[in-house]
Amino acid sequence: CCGSGSVCFECLSRGAKSVFFIDKDLTHLNLAKKNAKLLNVEDACQFLASDVKNNLPKASKKFDFIFIDPPY
């Protein structure tokens, strides 16, 4: 559900130190990776192929903000 990554890239532009993209569709995840590279923010990004509706991964670190917007 990361789509093109625009929400996360907006967060980075407003001061977020890092963002985490999750999507079960590799096409979307690869698009977000490509956009991260184009924006030169790859070091601040992590990517995970997973279905958040059925298998939200357990976080090993603390997050300040979580935004999940799966398609319906």
N, C-alpha and C. Protein backbone atom coordinates (compact mmCIF):
# COMPACT_ATOMS: atom_id res chain seq x y z
N CYS A 1 0.80 -1.21 0.00
CA CYS A 1 0.00 0.00 0.00
C CYS A 1 0.84 1.27 0.00
N CYS A 2 2.12 1.16 -0.40
CA CYS A 2 2.96 2.37 -0.45
C CYS A 2 2.77 3.14 -1.75
N GLY A 3 2.20 2.50 -2.76
CA GLY A 3 1.98 3.17 -4.03
C GLY A 3 3.28 3.71 -4.61
N SER A 4 3.27 4.96 -5.02
CA SER A 4 4.48 5.58 -5.59
C SER A 4 5.44 6.05 -4.51
N GLY A 5 4.97 6.09 -3.27
CA GLY A 5 5.80 6.55 -2.16
C GLY A 5 5.63 8.01 -1.82
N SER A 6 4.71 8.68 -2.48
CA SER A 6 4.58 10.13 -2.33
C SER A 6 4.34 10.59 -0.88
N VAL A 7 3.57 9.83 -0.11
CA VAL A 7 3.31 10.23 1.28
C VAL A 7 4.61 10.18 2.08
N CYS A 8 5.38 9.13 1.91
CA CYS A 8 6.65 9.02 2.64
C CYS A 8 7.65 10.07 2.19
N PHE A 9 7.69 10.35 0.90
CA PHE A 9 8.62 11.37 0.41
C PHE A 9 8.23 12.75 0.93
N GLU A 10 6.95 12.98 1.08
CA GLU A 10 6.49 14.24 1.67
C GLU A 10 6.94 14.32 3.13
N CYS A 11 6.85 13.21 3.85
CA CYS A 11 7.31 13.19 5.24
C CYS A 11 8.79 13.51 5.33
N LEU A 12 9.59 12.93 4.43
CA LEU A 12 11.03 13.24 4.41
C LEU A 12 11.27 14.71 4.13
N SER A 13 10.49 15.28 3.21
CA SER A 13 10.69 16.69 2.87
C SER A 13 10.32 17.61 4.02
N ARG A 14 9.53 17.09 4.97
CA ARG A 14 9.10 17.89 6.12
C ARG A 14 9.87 17.54 7.39
N GLY A 15 10.98 16.80 7.23
CA GLY A 15 11.86 16.59 8.37
C GLY A 15 11.96 15.19 8.94
N ALA A 16 11.19 14.23 8.42
CA ALA A 16 11.32 12.87 8.93
C ALA A 16 12.74 12.37 8.65
N LYS A 17 13.32 11.66 9.61
CA LYS A 17 14.69 11.16 9.44
C LYS A 17 14.72 9.88 8.60
N SER A 18 13.64 9.09 8.66
CA SER A 18 13.58 7.86 7.88
C SER A 18 12.13 7.48 7.64
N VAL A 19 11.92 6.65 6.63
CA VAL A 19 10.59 6.16 6.30
C VAL A 19 10.69 4.68 5.93
N PHE A 20 9.56 3.98 6.05
CA PHE A 20 9.50 2.54 5.81
C PHE A 20 8.34 2.27 4.87
N PHE A 21 8.62 1.74 3.71
CA PHE A 21 7.60 1.43 2.71
C PHE A 21 7.22 -0.05 2.80
N ILE A 22 5.92 -0.34 2.82
CA ILE A 22 5.45 -1.72 2.80
C ILE A 22 4.41 -1.84 1.70
N ASP A 23 4.56 -2.86 0.85
CA ASP A 23 3.57 -3.13 -0.19
C ASP A 23 3.68 -4.59 -0.60
N LYS A 24 2.56 -5.22 -0.85
CA LYS A 24 2.60 -6.61 -1.32
C LYS A 24 2.82 -6.68 -2.83
N ASP A 25 2.56 -5.59 -3.53
CA ASP A 25 2.73 -5.54 -4.98
C ASP A 25 4.14 -5.06 -5.30
N LEU A 26 4.96 -5.93 -5.84
CA LEU A 26 6.35 -5.57 -6.13
C LEU A 26 6.46 -4.46 -7.16
N THR A 27 5.47 -4.30 -8.02
CA THR A 27 5.48 -3.20 -8.98
C THR A 27 5.47 -1.87 -8.25
N HIS A 28 4.62 -1.76 -7.24
CA HIS A 28 4.54 -0.52 -6.45
C HIS A 28 5.81 -0.31 -5.62
N LEU A 29 6.28 -1.38 -5.01
CA LEU A 29 7.48 -1.28 -4.18
C LEU A 29 8.69 -0.87 -5.02
N ASN A 30 8.82 -1.43 -6.21
CA ASN A 30 9.92 -1.06 -7.10
C ASN A 30 9.79 0.38 -7.59
N LEU A 31 8.55 0.84 -7.80
CA LEU A 31 8.34 2.24 -8.19
C LEU A 31 8.79 3.17 -7.06
N ALA A 32 8.45 2.84 -5.82
CA ALA A 32 8.88 3.65 -4.67
C ALA A 32 10.40 3.65 -4.56
N LYS A 33 11.03 2.50 -4.79
CA LYS A 33 12.50 2.43 -4.76
C LYS A 33 13.11 3.31 -5.84
N LYS A 34 12.52 3.26 -7.04
CA LYS A 34 13.01 4.08 -8.15
C LYS A 34 12.87 5.57 -7.82
N ASN A 35 11.73 5.94 -7.24
CA ASN A 35 11.51 7.34 -6.88
C ASN A 35 12.46 7.79 -5.77
N ALA A 36 12.75 6.89 -4.82
CA ALA A 36 13.70 7.22 -3.75
C ALA A 36 15.08 7.50 -4.35
N LYS A 37 15.45 6.71 -5.34
CA LYS A 37 16.74 6.93 -6.00
C LYS A 37 16.75 8.25 -6.76
N LEU A 38 15.66 8.53 -7.49
CA LEU A 38 15.56 9.79 -8.24
C LEU A 38 15.63 11.01 -7.32
N LEU A 39 15.06 10.88 -6.12
CA LEU A 39 15.05 11.98 -5.15
C LEU A 39 16.29 12.00 -4.27
N ASN A 40 17.17 11.01 -4.46
CA ASN A 40 18.41 10.90 -3.69
C ASN A 40 18.16 10.81 -2.18
N VAL A 41 17.17 9.98 -1.81
CA VAL A 41 16.85 9.77 -0.40
C VAL A 41 16.89 8.29 -0.03
N GLU A 42 17.58 7.48 -0.81
CA GLU A 42 17.63 6.04 -0.58
C GLU A 42 18.11 5.68 0.83
N ASP A 43 19.06 6.43 1.34
CA ASP A 43 19.62 6.12 2.67
C ASP A 43 18.59 6.28 3.78
N ALA A 44 17.55 7.07 3.56
CA ALA A 44 16.53 7.30 4.58
C ALA A 44 15.33 6.36 4.42
N CYS A 45 15.41 5.42 3.45
CA CYS A 45 14.26 4.57 3.12
C CYS A 45 14.55 3.10 3.36
N GLN A 46 13.53 2.41 3.86
CA GLN A 46 13.56 0.96 3.97
C GLN A 46 12.34 0.41 3.25
N PHE A 47 12.46 -0.77 2.65
CA PHE A 47 11.39 -1.34 1.85
C PHE A 47 11.12 -2.77 2.27
N LEU A 48 9.83 -3.15 2.31
CA LEU A 48 9.45 -4.50 2.69
C LEU A 48 8.28 -4.96 1.84
N ALA A 49 8.41 -6.13 1.23
CA ALA A 49 7.31 -6.74 0.49
C ALA A 49 6.47 -7.54 1.48
N SER A 50 5.25 -7.07 1.77
CA SER A 50 4.37 -7.74 2.73
C SER A 50 2.95 -7.22 2.55
N ASP A 51 1.99 -8.01 2.99
CA ASP A 51 0.58 -7.62 2.95
C ASP A 51 0.19 -7.12 4.34
N VAL A 52 0.02 -5.81 4.50
CA VAL A 52 -0.25 -5.25 5.82
C VAL A 52 -1.63 -5.61 6.34
N LYS A 53 -2.56 -5.94 5.47
CA LYS A 53 -3.90 -6.29 5.94
C LYS A 53 -3.93 -7.65 6.62
N ASN A 54 -3.06 -8.55 6.19
CA ASN A 54 -3.07 -9.90 6.74
C ASN A 54 -1.81 -10.25 7.53
N ASN A 55 -0.76 -9.47 7.36
CA ASN A 55 0.51 -9.83 7.98
C ASN A 55 1.34 -8.58 8.28
N LEU A 56 0.86 -7.77 9.19
CA LEU A 56 1.62 -6.59 9.58
C LEU A 56 2.85 -7.04 10.35
N PRO A 57 4.03 -6.71 9.83
CA PRO A 57 5.25 -7.19 10.49
C PRO A 57 5.44 -6.56 11.87
N LYS A 58 6.06 -7.30 12.75
CA LYS A 58 6.35 -6.81 14.09
C LYS A 58 7.57 -5.89 13.99
N ALA A 59 7.45 -4.71 14.51
CA ALA A 59 8.52 -3.72 14.43
C ALA A 59 9.60 -3.99 15.45
N SER A 60 10.85 -3.86 15.03
CA SER A 60 11.97 -4.02 15.95
C SER A 60 12.47 -2.67 16.46
N LYS A 61 11.84 -1.60 15.97
CA LYS A 61 12.20 -0.27 16.46
C LYS A 61 10.94 0.54 16.68
N LYS A 62 11.08 1.68 17.31
CA LYS A 62 9.96 2.54 17.64
C LYS A 62 9.69 3.52 16.49
N PHE A 63 8.42 3.72 16.17
CA PHE A 63 8.02 4.66 15.14
C PHE A 63 7.27 5.82 15.77
N ASP A 64 7.48 7.02 15.25
CA ASP A 64 6.75 8.19 15.72
C ASP A 64 5.39 8.34 15.05
N PHE A 65 5.30 7.83 13.82
CA PHE A 65 4.09 8.00 13.03
C PHE A 65 3.93 6.81 12.10
N ILE A 66 2.74 6.24 12.05
CA ILE A 66 2.46 5.13 11.13
C ILE A 66 1.24 5.51 10.31
N PHE A 67 1.38 5.43 8.99
CA PHE A 67 0.29 5.74 8.07
C PHE A 67 0.09 4.52 7.17
N ILE A 68 -1.07 3.89 7.27
CA ILE A 68 -1.39 2.73 6.45
C ILE A 68 -2.65 3.05 5.66
N ASP A 69 -2.56 2.96 4.36
CA ASP A 69 -3.67 3.28 3.48
C ASP A 69 -3.83 2.20 2.41
N PRO A 70 -4.27 0.99 2.81
CA PRO A 70 -4.40 -0.07 1.81
C PRO A 70 -5.56 0.20 0.85
N PRO A 71 -5.44 -0.28 -0.38
CA PRO A 71 -6.57 -0.11 -1.32
C PRO A 71 -7.74 -0.99 -0.90
N TYR A 72 -8.91 -0.56 -1.29
CA TYR A 72 -10.12 -1.32 -0.92
C TYR A 72 -10.68 -2.03 -2.13
